[in-house]
């Protein structure tokens, strides 16, 4: 199994920054896993924010390019999401995801609230 624990969320003002962290653990986890961040706002579907594969290649939602950065530290089994210039529409529960082949795992989610 793989366990994912997110941290770093909270309340921030418009234009502020936050850095989310997700620590992976478990006997099955390795740096071969692709990692990603998703978010779900109230009344909306869960959507991809950003992902990073085992080789370090990244992918972002088009609307978030330039404001959000995903990176990972394989020595710490941790993936980060640096969020800058936050807007009220970024308010959501953010979920960490780890995927290897067809097997995926989710964190419990962490709230990010951006006030206007």
Protein backbone atom coordinates (compact mmCIF):
# COMPACT_ATOMS: atom_id res chain seq x y z
CA UNK A 1 0.00 0.00 0.00
CA UNK A 2 0.87 3.66 -0.35
CA UNK A 3 -0.11 6.39 2.09
CA UNK A 4 -0.13 10.05 1.14
CA UNK A 5 -0.27 12.87 3.67
CA UNK A 6 -0.78 16.45 2.53
CA UNK A 7 0.16 19.56 4.46
CA UNK A 8 0.59 23.29 3.92
CA UNK A 9 -2.94 24.34 3.16
CA UNK A 10 -4.88 27.11 4.86
CA UNK A 11 -6.26 30.58 4.40
CA UNK A 12 -4.40 33.11 2.29
CA UNK A 13 -5.27 36.52 0.88
CA UNK A 14 -5.68 37.29 -2.80
CA UNK A 15 -2.26 37.43 -4.45
CA UNK A 16 -0.58 35.40 -1.73
CA UNK A 17 1.37 32.18 -1.92
CA UNK A 18 1.22 28.73 -0.41
CA UNK A 19 3.33 25.63 -0.74
CA UNK A 20 1.63 22.28 -0.40
CA UNK A 21 3.58 19.18 0.51
CA UNK A 22 2.67 15.54 0.13
CA UNK A 23 4.72 12.86 1.82
CA UNK A 24 4.39 9.32 0.49
CA UNK A 25 5.06 6.21 2.52
CA UNK A 26 4.40 2.51 2.34
CA UNK A 27 6.13 -0.59 1.17
CA UNK A 28 4.97 -0.23 -2.41
CA UNK A 29 6.01 3.37 -2.96
CA UNK A 30 9.09 4.25 -4.96
CA UNK A 31 10.41 7.09 -7.04
CA UNK A 32 8.97 5.34 -10.10
CA UNK A 33 5.55 6.61 -9.13
CA UNK A 34 4.15 9.58 -10.99
CA UNK A 35 2.84 12.18 -8.57
CA UNK A 36 0.19 14.79 -9.02
CA UNK A 37 -2.02 17.38 -7.45
CA UNK A 38 -5.74 17.63 -8.12
CA UNK A 39 -8.33 19.96 -6.70
CA UNK A 40 -12.06 19.98 -6.18
CA UNK A 41 -14.06 23.11 -5.58
CA UNK A 42 -17.57 23.00 -4.11
CA UNK A 43 -20.06 21.80 -6.69
CA UNK A 44 -17.36 21.03 -9.24
CA UNK A 45 -15.58 17.94 -10.44
CA UNK A 46 -12.09 17.07 -9.34
CA UNK A 47 -9.57 18.43 -11.81
CA UNK A 48 -5.89 18.00 -12.50
CA UNK A 49 -3.70 20.81 -11.26
CA UNK A 50 -0.26 19.46 -12.09
CA UNK A 51 1.65 16.21 -12.36
CA UNK A 52 5.26 15.09 -12.44
CA UNK A 53 6.52 11.75 -13.63
CA UNK A 54 9.41 9.68 -12.37
CA UNK A 55 11.78 11.40 -14.78
CA UNK A 56 10.79 14.87 -13.62
CA UNK A 57 8.65 15.85 -16.59
CA UNK A 58 5.77 18.05 -15.60
CA UNK A 59 2.28 18.74 -16.85
CA UNK A 60 -0.02 21.57 -15.82
CA UNK A 61 -3.59 22.61 -16.31
CA UNK A 62 -3.44 25.30 -18.97
CA UNK A 63 -5.13 27.87 -16.77
CA UNK A 64 -2.53 27.47 -14.03
CA UNK A 65 0.68 27.60 -16.02
CA UNK A 66 2.98 30.31 -14.75
CA UNK A 67 1.41 30.52 -11.29
CA UNK A 68 1.80 26.97 -9.98
CA UNK A 69 4.93 24.83 -9.91
CA UNK A 70 5.16 21.15 -9.07
CA UNK A 71 8.41 19.54 -8.02
CA UNK A 72 9.52 16.49 -6.12
CA UNK A 73 12.28 15.40 -3.77
CA UNK A 74 12.71 11.68 -4.24
CA UNK A 75 15.05 11.40 -1.26
CA UNK A 76 12.20 12.62 0.95
CA UNK A 77 9.39 10.84 -0.95
CA UNK A 78 7.75 14.24 -1.17
CA UNK A 79 6.01 16.18 -3.91
CA UNK A 80 5.38 19.90 -3.60
CA UNK A 81 3.04 22.37 -5.18
CA UNK A 82 4.16 25.98 -5.07
CA UNK A 83 1.18 28.24 -5.64
CA UNK A 84 1.72 31.92 -6.33
CA UNK A 85 -0.57 34.83 -7.16
CA UNK A 86 -3.47 32.97 -5.65
CA UNK A 87 -7.01 33.93 -6.58
CA UNK A 88 -10.35 33.25 -4.91
CA UNK A 89 -11.14 30.78 -7.69
CA UNK A 90 -8.21 28.66 -6.51
CA UNK A 91 -10.21 27.88 -3.38
CA UNK A 92 -10.67 24.12 -3.24
CA UNK A 93 -9.68 20.93 -1.52
CA UNK A 94 -6.35 19.87 -2.97
CA UNK A 95 -5.55 16.18 -3.27
CA UNK A 96 -2.24 14.45 -3.74
CA UNK A 97 -2.14 11.48 -6.09
CA UNK A 98 0.46 8.79 -6.67
CA UNK A 99 0.20 6.57 -9.71
CA UNK A 100 2.12 3.62 -11.09
CA UNK A 101 0.64 1.92 -14.09
CA UNK A 102 -3.07 1.47 -13.46
CA UNK A 103 -2.71 1.69 -9.69
CA UNK A 104 -3.35 5.00 -8.01
CA UNK A 105 -3.58 6.30 -4.49
CA UNK A 106 -5.08 9.47 -3.02
CA UNK A 107 -4.36 11.58 -0.02
CA UNK A 108 -7.12 12.74 2.27
CA UNK A 109 -7.13 16.23 0.82
CA UNK A 110 -6.30 19.60 2.27
CA UNK A 111 -8.28 22.82 2.17
CA UNK A 112 -6.94 25.92 0.46
CA UNK A 113 -9.02 29.06 0.84
CA UNK A 114 -8.17 32.33 -0.91
CA UNK A 115 -9.95 35.41 0.38
CA UNK A 116 -10.69 38.36 -1.88
